[in-house]
N, C-alpha and C. Protein backbone atom coordinates (compact mmCIF):
# COMPACT_ATOMS: atom_id res chain seq x y z
N MET A 1 36.23 -19.05 -0.38
CA MET A 1 34.64 -19.35 -0.82
C MET A 1 33.44 -17.81 -0.90
N MET A 2 32.96 -17.63 -2.03
CA MET A 2 32.45 -16.47 -2.15
C MET A 2 30.99 -15.82 -0.85
N ARG A 3 30.36 -15.41 0.01
CA ARG A 3 29.35 -15.38 0.40
C ARG A 3 28.46 -14.95 -0.17
N LYS A 4 27.14 -15.85 0.07
CA LYS A 4 25.75 -15.40 -0.22
C LYS A 4 25.25 -13.97 -0.10
N PRO A 5 25.43 -13.50 -1.52
CA PRO A 5 24.05 -12.13 -1.19
C PRO A 5 23.23 -12.19 -0.23
N GLN A 6 23.16 -10.97 0.71
CA GLN A 6 22.16 -11.13 1.83
C GLN A 6 20.85 -10.00 1.05
N LYS A 7 19.59 -10.91 1.50
CA LYS A 7 18.30 -10.08 0.95
C LYS A 7 18.49 -8.60 2.32
N PRO A 8 17.73 -7.26 1.47
CA PRO A 8 17.72 -6.48 2.67
C PRO A 8 16.73 -7.15 3.16
N PRO A 9 16.10 -6.35 4.82
CA PRO A 9 14.88 -6.99 5.80
C PRO A 9 13.48 -6.50 4.58
N GLU A 10 13.43 -7.68 5.49
CA GLU A 10 11.34 -7.33 4.63
C GLU A 10 10.92 -5.89 5.19
N GLY A 11 10.30 -4.99 4.36
CA GLY A 11 9.61 -3.64 4.59
C GLY A 11 10.63 -2.76 3.75
N ALA A 12 12.09 -2.71 4.03
CA ALA A 12 13.32 -2.44 3.77
C ALA A 12 12.95 -1.46 2.36
N LYS A 13 13.24 0.30 2.92
CA LYS A 13 13.10 0.81 1.63
C LYS A 13 13.83 0.60 0.30
N MET A 14 13.74 0.24 -0.87
CA MET A 14 14.86 0.32 -2.01
C MET A 14 15.82 2.11 -2.28
N LYS A 15 16.41 1.56 -2.80
CA LYS A 15 17.56 2.56 -3.73
C LYS A 15 16.37 3.12 -4.51
N GLU A 16 16.26 4.21 -4.90
CA GLU A 16 15.36 5.00 -5.85
C GLU A 16 16.19 4.64 -7.06
N THR A 17 16.10 4.35 -8.41
CA THR A 17 16.36 4.24 -9.93
C THR A 17 16.16 5.51 -10.23
N ALA A 18 16.68 5.62 -11.67
CA ALA A 18 15.84 6.66 -12.80
C ALA A 18 15.02 5.75 -12.94
N ASP A 19 15.16 4.78 -13.35
CA ASP A 19 13.48 4.55 -13.66
C ASP A 19 11.89 4.32 -12.42
N MET A 20 12.47 3.93 -11.30
CA MET A 20 11.74 4.05 -10.04
C MET A 20 11.37 5.80 -10.51
N VAL A 21 12.12 6.43 -10.45
CA VAL A 21 11.58 8.53 -10.56
C VAL A 21 10.56 8.44 -11.77
N ALA A 22 11.17 7.87 -12.64
CA ALA A 22 10.99 7.91 -13.89
C ALA A 22 9.12 7.83 -13.87
N TRP A 23 9.02 6.44 -13.19
CA TRP A 23 7.89 5.44 -12.91
C TRP A 23 6.76 6.33 -12.06
N LYS A 24 7.32 7.38 -10.91
CA LYS A 24 6.53 7.55 -9.93
C LYS A 24 5.97 9.09 -10.11
N LYS A 25 6.98 10.01 -11.38
CA LYS A 25 5.97 10.84 -12.15
C LYS A 25 5.04 10.74 -13.08
N GLU A 26 4.57 8.99 -13.64
CA GLU A 26 3.69 9.07 -14.28
C GLU A 26 2.71 9.23 -13.49
N PHE A 27 3.40 8.45 -12.50
CA PHE A 27 2.23 7.66 -11.86
C PHE A 27 1.35 9.08 -10.43
N GLU A 28 1.87 10.05 -10.96
CA GLU A 28 1.55 11.50 -9.87
C GLU A 28 0.76 12.45 -11.18
N ARG A 29 0.80 12.23 -12.30
CA ARG A 29 0.26 13.07 -13.37
C ARG A 29 -0.67 11.67 -13.96
N MET A 30 -0.77 11.03 -13.34
CA MET A 30 -2.08 9.96 -14.20
C MET A 30 -3.63 9.88 -13.14
N LYS A 31 -4.39 10.05 -13.87
CA LYS A 31 -6.14 10.65 -13.38
C LYS A 31 -6.44 9.20 -13.06
N THR A 32 -6.66 9.22 -12.15
CA THR A 32 -7.33 8.06 -11.02
C THR A 32 -8.56 7.01 -12.21
N GLU A 33 -8.77 7.69 -12.74
CA GLU A 33 -9.97 6.70 -13.84
C GLU A 33 -8.62 6.10 -15.00
N ASP A 34 -7.73 6.45 -16.10
CA ASP A 34 -6.85 5.96 -16.00
C ASP A 34 -5.56 4.69 -15.47
N HIS A 35 -5.57 5.08 -14.39
CA HIS A 35 -4.69 3.98 -12.93
C HIS A 35 -5.59 2.83 -12.85
N LYS A 36 -7.05 3.31 -12.46
CA LYS A 36 -8.07 2.17 -12.33
C LYS A 36 -7.91 0.72 -13.89
N ALA A 37 -7.56 1.53 -14.69
CA ALA A 37 -7.59 0.79 -16.14
C ALA A 37 -6.69 -0.51 -16.39
N LYS A 38 -5.86 0.86 -15.70
CA LYS A 38 -4.18 0.33 -16.14
C LYS A 38 -3.78 -0.77 -15.11
N LEU A 39 -4.48 -0.92 -13.69
CA LEU A 39 -4.96 -2.13 -13.08
C LEU A 39 -5.26 -3.44 -13.20
N LYS A 40 -6.52 -2.94 -13.91
CA LYS A 40 -7.58 -4.16 -14.36
C LYS A 40 -6.67 -4.49 -15.98
N GLU A 41 -5.64 -3.68 -16.70
CA GLU A 41 -5.18 -4.27 -17.66
C GLU A 41 -3.89 -5.05 -16.85
N LEU A 42 -3.76 -5.53 -16.02
CA LEU A 42 -2.24 -5.57 -15.37
C LEU A 42 -3.04 -6.97 -14.13
N GLY A 43 -4.42 -7.07 -14.34
CA GLY A 43 -4.59 -8.16 -13.80
C GLY A 43 -5.54 -8.53 -12.78
N LEU A 44 -5.92 -6.58 -12.18
CA LEU A 44 -6.39 -7.20 -10.53
C LEU A 44 -7.99 -6.96 -10.64
N ASP A 45 -8.38 -7.17 -10.20
CA ASP A 45 -9.85 -7.67 -9.63
C ASP A 45 -10.65 -6.44 -9.26
N ASP A 46 -11.88 -6.33 -9.07
CA ASP A 46 -12.94 -5.64 -8.87
C ASP A 46 -12.61 -5.16 -7.27
N ASP A 47 -12.34 -6.63 -6.32
CA ASP A 47 -11.71 -6.43 -5.20
C ASP A 47 -10.61 -5.79 -4.94
N ASP A 48 -9.63 -5.67 -5.51
CA ASP A 48 -8.39 -5.49 -5.73
C ASP A 48 -8.66 -3.45 -6.16
N LEU A 49 -9.63 -3.23 -6.69
CA LEU A 49 -9.59 -2.00 -7.37
C LEU A 49 -10.35 -1.87 -6.02
N GLU A 50 -11.03 -1.88 -5.45
CA GLU A 50 -12.10 -1.14 -4.24
C GLU A 50 -10.56 -0.94 -2.87
N GLU A 51 -10.11 -2.01 -2.66
CA GLU A 51 -8.43 -1.67 -1.15
C GLU A 51 -8.17 -0.78 -2.23
N PHE A 52 -7.43 -0.37 -3.68
CA PHE A 52 -6.95 0.90 -4.31
C PHE A 52 -8.18 1.78 -3.53
N GLU A 53 -8.71 1.88 -4.20
CA GLU A 53 -9.52 3.35 -3.64
C GLU A 53 -9.87 4.08 -2.21
N ALA A 54 -9.66 2.48 -1.24
CA ALA A 54 -9.80 2.89 0.47
C ALA A 54 -8.73 3.06 0.20
N MET A 55 -7.44 3.39 0.07
CA MET A 55 -6.22 3.26 0.10
C MET A 55 -5.75 4.82 -0.26
N GLU A 56 -6.65 4.76 -1.53
CA GLU A 56 -6.38 6.40 -1.95
C GLU A 56 -7.32 7.16 -1.02
N LYS A 57 -8.10 6.88 -0.43
CA LYS A 57 -9.21 7.84 0.53
C LYS A 57 -8.71 7.44 2.05
N GLY A 58 -7.63 6.78 2.11
CA GLY A 58 -7.53 7.36 3.20
C GLY A 58 -7.82 5.93 4.24
N GLU A 59 -8.41 5.57 4.27
CA GLU A 59 -9.48 4.73 5.24
C GLU A 59 -8.70 3.25 5.33
N LEU A 60 -7.71 2.73 4.50
CA LEU A 60 -6.05 2.13 4.80
C LEU A 60 -5.41 2.23 4.00
N SER A 61 -4.40 1.72 4.79
CA SER A 61 -3.03 2.06 4.43
C SER A 61 -1.88 0.78 4.14
N LEU A 62 -1.10 1.08 3.21
CA LEU A 62 -0.72 0.22 2.59
C LEU A 62 0.02 -0.89 3.17
N GLU A 63 0.40 -0.65 4.69
CA GLU A 63 0.93 -1.35 5.68
C GLU A 63 -0.23 -2.56 6.57
N ASP A 64 -1.18 -2.17 6.31
CA ASP A 64 -2.62 -2.35 6.59
C ASP A 64 -2.80 -3.36 5.82
N GLU A 65 -2.62 -3.07 4.48
CA GLU A 65 -2.90 -3.85 3.37
C GLU A 65 -1.93 -5.39 3.11
N ILE A 66 -0.85 -4.76 3.20
CA ILE A 66 0.23 -5.93 3.73
C ILE A 66 -0.07 -6.86 4.46
N SER A 67 -0.10 -6.54 5.82
CA SER A 67 -0.16 -7.33 6.91
C SER A 67 -1.54 -8.02 7.03
N GLY A 68 -2.99 -7.68 6.45
CA GLY A 68 -4.15 -8.10 6.05
C GLY A 68 -4.90 -7.50 7.16
N VAL A 69 -4.84 -6.71 7.70
CA VAL A 69 -5.36 -6.37 8.93
C VAL A 69 -6.35 -5.21 8.32
N GLU A 70 -7.61 -5.78 8.79
CA GLU A 70 -8.85 -4.26 8.64
C GLU A 70 -8.78 -3.32 9.20
N LYS A 71 -9.50 -2.50 9.27
CA LYS A 71 -9.16 -0.74 9.71
C LYS A 71 -10.47 -0.70 11.18
N VAL A 72 -9.91 -0.92 12.17
CA VAL A 72 -10.71 -0.92 12.98
C VAL A 72 -11.16 0.51 13.67
N SER A 73 -12.43 0.73 14.40
CA SER A 73 -12.76 2.12 14.58
C SER A 73 -11.72 2.61 15.40
N GLU A 74 -11.42 3.52 15.79
CA GLU A 74 -10.11 4.08 16.61
C GLU A 74 -10.73 5.36 17.89
N GLU A 75 -11.85 4.57 18.46
CA GLU A 75 -12.50 5.31 19.63
C GLU A 75 -12.09 4.29 20.75
N LYS A 76 -11.57 4.68 21.77
CA LYS A 76 -10.90 3.95 22.91
C LYS A 76 -11.70 3.89 23.92
N PRO A 77 -11.48 2.53 24.90
CA PRO A 77 -12.62 1.89 25.03
C PRO A 77 -12.53 2.27 26.85
N LYS A 78 -13.49 2.45 27.10
CA LYS A 78 -14.19 3.47 28.45
C LYS A 78 -13.77 2.11 29.60
N LYS A 79 -12.68 3.37 30.08
CA LYS A 79 -12.70 2.38 31.37
C LYS A 79 -13.61 2.43 32.81
N LYS A 80 -13.53 1.11 33.15
CA LYS A 80 -14.42 1.18 34.24
C LYS A 80 -14.22 2.03 35.18
N GLY A 81 -15.15 2.25 36.72
CA GLY A 81 -14.99 3.37 36.91
C GLY A 81 -14.79 1.91 38.46
N LYS A 82 -13.90 2.66 39.80
CA LYS A 82 -13.20 2.03 40.88
C LYS A 82 -14.35 2.20 41.28
N LYS A 83 -14.53 0.46 42.01
CA LYS A 83 -15.71 0.26 43.26
C LYS A 83 -15.21 0.65 44.33
């Protein structure tokens, strides 16, 4: 009996193929406006484009976007003094 092929765990990195390398080079050469036009062409709406801009500026990470977590301020909570 043949074994069922296992899926890689969620979030696992994929092996780079020639297609992926070519796409990455094209993406790196693409201007921001061209990239936005391409995203609209693929069916993304204005909210998605705003998220893309936030990720590009470093305000939101891809992991946060995938998990649906919104960026919270990075201030440390104040410690309460001893009584």
